[in-house]
């Protein structure tokens, strides 16, 4: 009977944590898809400052995700290499005044950034879920140890 409750409790905690952390990534994916469709439907403005500011905000979000991954020692080498390539393209777009196909470069950078945002947010979400699972596992271990200790003390006291 107790096993059923423990197993159902673990499953409840796991699926609740999974849905809580995955909602954040689903919201960012919905926002990204709406931004991508808006960018495709409307022509890019000739004013480069709006593009540059939006790219800087997106780079900042990816950079924060990379910092989180680095602080938790999570493998992020592929994200970092893609980030440096996108950053070099961004600096080229930002500093080059005679770019032949500006619109195509902006679309390419936007696509690279959306892939980077998706990968980094997915890894951060996975890391947070793994941290939650680790905490639950340690807490359940302590509960089992405490339960066995109490049971052994109770049984020892009954023998005397």
C-alpha atoms as a PDB file:
ATOM      1  CA  UNK A   1       0.000   0.000   0.000  1.00  0.00           C
ATOM      2  CA  UNK A   2       2.757   2.409   0.967  1.00  0.00           C
ATOM      3  CA  UNK A   3       4.690   1.504  -2.176  1.00  0.00           C
ATOM      4  CA  UNK A   4       1.756   2.523  -4.352  1.00  0.00           C
ATOM      5  CA  UNK A   5       1.576   5.903  -2.655  1.00  0.00           C
ATOM      6  CA  UNK A   6       5.327   6.443  -2.925  1.00  0.00           C
ATOM      7  CA  UNK A   7       5.413   5.508  -6.601  1.00  0.00           C
ATOM      8  CA  UNK A   8       2.387   7.621  -7.425  1.00  0.00           C
ATOM      9  CA  UNK A   9       3.880  10.512  -5.426  1.00  0.00           C
ATOM     10  CA  UNK A  10       7.165  10.278  -7.324  1.00  0.00           C
ATOM     11  CA  UNK A  11       5.374  10.172 -10.655  1.00  0.00           C
ATOM     12  CA  UNK A  12       3.242  13.148  -9.655  1.00  0.00           C
ATOM     13  CA  UNK A  13       6.289  15.199  -8.641  1.00  0.00           C
ATOM     14  CA  UNK A  14       8.164  14.232 -11.804  1.00  0.00           C
ATOM     15  CA  UNK A  15       5.350  15.099 -14.206  1.00  0.00           C
ATOM     16  CA  UNK A  16       4.443  18.279 -12.335  1.00  0.00           C
ATOM     17  CA  UNK A  17       8.060  19.454 -12.471  1.00  0.00           C
ATOM     18  CA  UNK A  18       8.348  18.528 -16.132  1.00  0.00           C
ATOM     19  CA  UNK A  19       5.287  20.525 -17.092  1.00  0.00           C
ATOM     20  CA  UNK A  20       6.290  23.483 -14.915  1.00  0.00           C
ATOM     21  CA  UNK A  21       9.715  23.798 -16.536  1.00  0.00           C
ATOM     22  CA  UNK A  22       8.583  23.011 -20.062  1.00  0.00           C
ATOM     23  CA  UNK A  23       5.888  25.727 -20.068  1.00  0.00           C
ATOM     24  CA  UNK A  24       8.607  28.351 -20.143  1.00  0.00           C
ATOM     25  CA  UNK A  25      10.189  26.860 -23.251  1.00  0.00           C
ATOM     26  CA  UNK A  26       6.818  26.439 -24.952  1.00  0.00           C
ATOM     27  CA  UNK A  27       6.013  30.110 -24.350  1.00  0.00           C
ATOM     28  CA  UNK A  28       9.351  31.215 -25.785  1.00  0.00           C
ATOM     29  CA  UNK A  29       8.867  28.947 -28.805  1.00  0.00           C
ATOM     30  CA  UNK A  30       5.401  30.422 -29.420  1.00  0.00           C
ATOM     31  CA  UNK A  31       6.831  33.928 -29.177  1.00  0.00           C
ATOM     32  CA  UNK A  32       9.661  33.017 -31.530  1.00  0.00           C
ATOM     33  CA  UNK A  33       7.342  31.541 -34.143  1.00  0.00           C
ATOM     34  CA  UNK A  34       5.090  34.588 -34.001  1.00  0.00           C
ATOM     35  CA  UNK A  35       8.124  36.853 -34.386  1.00  0.00           C
ATOM     36  CA  UNK A  36       9.397  34.798 -37.306  1.00  0.00           C
ATOM     37  CA  UNK A  37       6.048  34.973 -39.109  1.00  0.00           C
ATOM     38  CA  UNK A  38       5.850  38.704 -38.492  1.00  0.00           C
ATOM     39  CA  UNK A  39       9.363  39.155 -39.886  1.00  0.00           C
ATOM     40  CA  UNK A  40       8.505  37.139 -42.973  1.00  0.00           C
ATOM     41  CA  UNK A  41       5.198  38.932 -43.566  1.00  0.00           C
ATOM     42  CA  UNK A  42       6.545  42.440 -43.234  1.00  0.00           C
ATOM     43  CA  UNK A  43       9.512  43.770 -45.119  1.00  0.00           C
ATOM     44  CA  UNK A  44      12.561  44.596 -43.096  1.00  0.00           C
ATOM     45  CA  UNK A  45      12.890  48.310 -42.475  1.00  0.00           C
ATOM     46  CA  UNK A  46      15.730  50.231 -44.026  1.00  0.00           C
ATOM     47  CA  UNK A  47      16.571  51.586 -40.590  1.00  0.00           C
ATOM     48  CA  UNK A  48      19.312  49.267 -39.291  1.00  0.00           C
ATOM     49  CA  UNK A  49      19.082  50.384 -35.663  1.00  0.00           C
ATOM     50  CA  UNK A  50      15.875  48.423 -35.006  1.00  0.00           C
ATOM     51  CA  UNK A  51      17.469  45.238 -36.331  1.00  0.00           C
ATOM     52  CA  UNK A  52      20.641  45.790 -34.361  1.00  0.00           C
ATOM     53  CA  UNK A  53      18.768  46.458 -31.116  1.00  0.00           C
ATOM     54  CA  UNK A  54      16.586  43.383 -31.510  1.00  0.00           C
ATOM     55  CA  UNK A  55      19.620  41.232 -32.271  1.00  0.00           C
ATOM     56  CA  UNK A  56      21.445  42.595 -29.226  1.00  0.00           C
ATOM     57  CA  UNK A  57      18.496  41.658 -26.997  1.00  0.00           C
ATOM     58  CA  UNK A  58      18.397  38.171 -28.444  1.00  0.00           C
ATOM     59  CA  UNK A  59      22.164  37.763 -28.034  1.00  0.00           C
ATOM     60  CA  UNK A  60      21.848  38.868 -24.424  1.00  0.00           C
ATOM     61  CA  UNK A  61      19.202  36.191 -23.741  1.00  0.00           C
ATOM     62  CA  UNK A  62      21.349  33.473 -25.326  1.00  0.00           C
ATOM     63  CA  UNK A  63      24.389  34.736 -23.425  1.00  0.00           C
ATOM     64  CA  UNK A  64      22.516  34.432 -20.111  1.00  0.00           C
ATOM     65  CA  UNK A  65      21.559  30.859 -20.966  1.00  0.00           C
ATOM     66  CA  UNK A  66      25.166  30.026 -21.826  1.00  0.00           C
ATOM     67  CA  UNK A  67      26.355  31.527 -18.537  1.00  0.00           C
ATOM     68  CA  UNK A  68      23.808  29.381 -16.655  1.00  0.00           C
ATOM     69  CA  UNK A  69      25.021  26.287 -18.491  1.00  0.00           C
ATOM     70  CA  UNK A  70      28.649  27.107 -17.747  1.00  0.00           C
ATOM     71  CA  UNK A  71      28.023  27.721 -14.044  1.00  0.00           C
ATOM     72  CA  UNK A  72      26.304  24.331 -13.742  1.00  0.00           C
ATOM     73  CA  UNK A  73      29.049  22.572 -15.772  1.00  0.00           C
ATOM     74  CA  UNK A  74      26.684  21.438 -18.505  1.00  0.00           C
ATOM     75  CA  UNK A  75      28.022  20.629 -21.967  1.00  0.00           C
ATOM     76  CA  UNK A  76      27.462  23.658 -24.166  1.00  0.00           C
ATOM     77  CA  UNK A  77      30.351  23.538 -26.637  1.00  0.00           C
ATOM     78  CA  UNK A  78      28.140  23.282 -29.734  1.00  0.00           C
ATOM     79  CA  UNK A  79      26.056  26.232 -28.568  1.00  0.00           C
ATOM     80  CA  UNK A  80      29.173  28.302 -27.894  1.00  0.00           C
ATOM     81  CA  UNK A  81      30.615  27.639 -31.361  1.00  0.00           C
ATOM     82  CA  UNK A  82      27.320  28.546 -33.038  1.00  0.00           C
ATOM     83  CA  UNK A  83      27.122  31.624 -30.799  1.00  0.00           C
ATOM     84  CA  UNK A  84      30.574  32.841 -31.848  1.00  0.00           C
ATOM     85  CA  UNK A  85      29.738  32.326 -35.534  1.00  0.00           C
ATOM     86  CA  UNK A  86      26.478  34.244 -35.173  1.00  0.00           C
ATOM     87  CA  UNK A  87      28.242  36.960 -33.201  1.00  0.00           C
ATOM     88  CA  UNK A  88      30.869  37.411 -35.918  1.00  0.00           C
ATOM     89  CA  UNK A  89      28.107  37.659 -38.528  1.00  0.00           C
ATOM     90  CA  UNK A  90      26.338  40.211 -36.328  1.00  0.00           C
ATOM     91  CA  UNK A  91      29.476  42.334 -36.049  1.00  0.00           C
ATOM     92  CA  UNK A  92      29.908  42.109 -39.803  1.00  0.00           C
ATOM     93  CA  UNK A  93      26.320  43.295 -40.353  1.00  0.00           C
ATOM     94  CA  UNK A  94      26.710  45.996 -37.726  1.00  0.00           C
ATOM     95  CA  UNK A  95      29.996  47.441 -38.953  1.00  0.00           C
ATOM     96  CA  UNK A  96      29.829  46.848 -42.687  1.00  0.00           C
ATOM     97  CA  UNK A  97      28.264  49.693 -44.601  1.00  0.00           C
ATOM     98  CA  UNK A  98      28.613  48.113 -48.043  1.00  0.00           C
ATOM     99  CA  UNK A  99      26.962  44.762 -47.499  1.00  0.00           C
ATOM    100  CA  UNK A 100      25.702  43.374 -50.813  1.00  0.00           C
ATOM    101  CA  UNK A 101      22.635  41.552 -49.577  1.00  0.00           C
ATOM    102  CA  UNK A 102      21.696  43.069 -46.231  1.00  0.00           C
ATOM    103  CA  UNK A 103      18.217  41.524 -46.070  1.00  0.00           C
ATOM    104  CA  UNK A 104      19.498  38.007 -46.650  1.00  0.00           C
ATOM    105  CA  UNK A 105      22.240  38.424 -44.036  1.00  0.00           C
ATOM    106  CA  UNK A 106      19.682  39.667 -41.511  1.00  0.00           C
ATOM    107  CA  UNK A 107      17.369  36.718 -42.254  1.00  0.00           C
ATOM    108  CA  UNK A 108      20.275  34.289 -41.933  1.00  0.00           C
ATOM    109  CA  UNK A 109      21.337  35.810 -38.617  1.00  0.00           C
ATOM    110  CA  UNK A 110      17.746  35.778 -37.384  1.00  0.00           C
ATOM    111  CA  UNK A 111      17.462  32.093 -38.237  1.00  0.00           C
ATOM    112  CA  UNK A 112      20.760  31.302 -36.502  1.00  0.00           C
ATOM    113  CA  UNK A 113      19.658  33.191 -33.418  1.00  0.00           C
ATOM    114  CA  UNK A 114      16.306  31.418 -33.288  1.00  0.00           C
ATOM    115  CA  UNK A 115      18.092  28.044 -33.431  1.00  0.00           C
ATOM    116  CA  UNK A 116      20.489  29.203 -30.706  1.00  0.00           C
ATOM    117  CA  UNK A 117      17.629  30.427 -28.513  1.00  0.00           C
ATOM    118  CA  UNK A 118      15.785  27.157 -28.932  1.00  0.00           C
ATOM    119  CA  UNK A 119      18.826  24.990 -28.143  1.00  0.00           C
ATOM    120  CA  UNK A 120      19.928  27.046 -25.160  1.00  0.00           C
ATOM    121  CA  UNK A 121      16.456  27.284 -23.628  1.00  0.00           C
ATOM    122  CA  UNK A 122      15.988  23.540 -24.143  1.00  0.00           C
ATOM    123  CA  UNK A 123      19.254  22.763 -22.361  1.00  0.00           C
ATOM    124  CA  UNK A 124      18.484  25.159 -19.516  1.00  0.00           C
ATOM    125  CA  UNK A 125      15.045  23.586 -19.111  1.00  0.00           C
ATOM    126  CA  UNK A 126      16.583  20.115 -19.097  1.00  0.00           C
ATOM    127  CA  UNK A 127      19.162  21.184 -16.509  1.00  0.00           C
ATOM    128  CA  UNK A 128      16.478  22.620 -14.239  1.00  0.00           C
ATOM    129  CA  UNK A 129      14.407  19.430 -14.508  1.00  0.00           C
ATOM    130  CA  UNK A 130      17.464  17.332 -13.722  1.00  0.00           C
ATOM    131  CA  UNK A 131      18.171  19.517 -10.676  1.00  0.00           C
ATOM    132  CA  UNK A 132      14.588  19.012  -9.515  1.00  0.00           C
ATOM    133  CA  UNK A 133      14.857  15.251 -10.008  1.00  0.00           C
ATOM    134  CA  UNK A 134      18.120  15.214  -8.060  1.00  0.00           C
ATOM    135  CA  UNK A 135      16.565  17.120  -5.161  1.00  0.00           C
ATOM    136  CA  UNK A 136      13.551  14.798  -5.112  1.00  0.00           C
ATOM    137  CA  UNK A 137      15.823  11.752  -5.236  1.00  0.00           C
ATOM    138  CA  UNK A 138      17.944  12.990  -2.318  1.00  0.00           C
ATOM    139  CA  UNK A 139      14.843  13.907  -0.301  1.00  0.00           C
ATOM    140  CA  UNK A 140      13.309  10.479  -0.903  1.00  0.00           C
ATOM    141  CA  UNK A 141      16.606   8.854   0.131  1.00  0.00           C
ATOM    142  CA  UNK A 142      16.592  10.771   3.392  1.00  0.00           C
ATOM    143  CA  UNK A 143      12.950   9.838   3.969  1.00  0.00           C
ATOM    144  CA  UNK A 144      13.701   6.163   3.394  1.00  0.00           C
ATOM    145  CA  UNK A 145      16.709   6.280   5.739  1.00  0.00           C
ATOM    146  CA  UNK A 146      14.666   8.076   8.410  1.00  0.00           C
ATOM    147  CA  UNK A 147      11.805   5.599   8.011  1.00  0.00           C
ATOM    148  CA  UNK A 148      14.085   2.591   8.325  1.00  0.00           C
ATOM    149  CA  UNK A 149      15.826   4.139  11.327  1.00  0.00           C
ATOM    150  CA  UNK A 150      12.523   4.807  13.098  1.00  0.00           C
ATOM    151  CA  UNK A 151      11.309   1.318  12.269  1.00  0.00           C
ATOM    152  CA  UNK A 152      14.488  -0.323  13.588  1.00  0.00           C
ATOM    153  CA  UNK A 153      14.358   1.724  16.807  1.00  0.00           C
ATOM    154  CA  UNK A 154      10.701   0.803  17.255  1.00  0.00           C
ATOM    155  CA  UNK A 155      11.362  -2.887  16.681  1.00  0.00           C
ATOM    156  CA  UNK A 156      14.363  -2.838  19.029  1.00  0.00           C
ATOM    157  CA  UNK A 157      12.288  -1.197  21.761  1.00  0.00           C
ATOM    158  CA  UNK A 158       9.550  -3.844  21.343  1.00  0.00           C
ATOM    159  CA  UNK A 159      12.045  -6.668  21.826  1.00  0.00           C
ATOM    160  CA  UNK A 160      13.033  -5.457  25.296  1.00  0.00           C
END
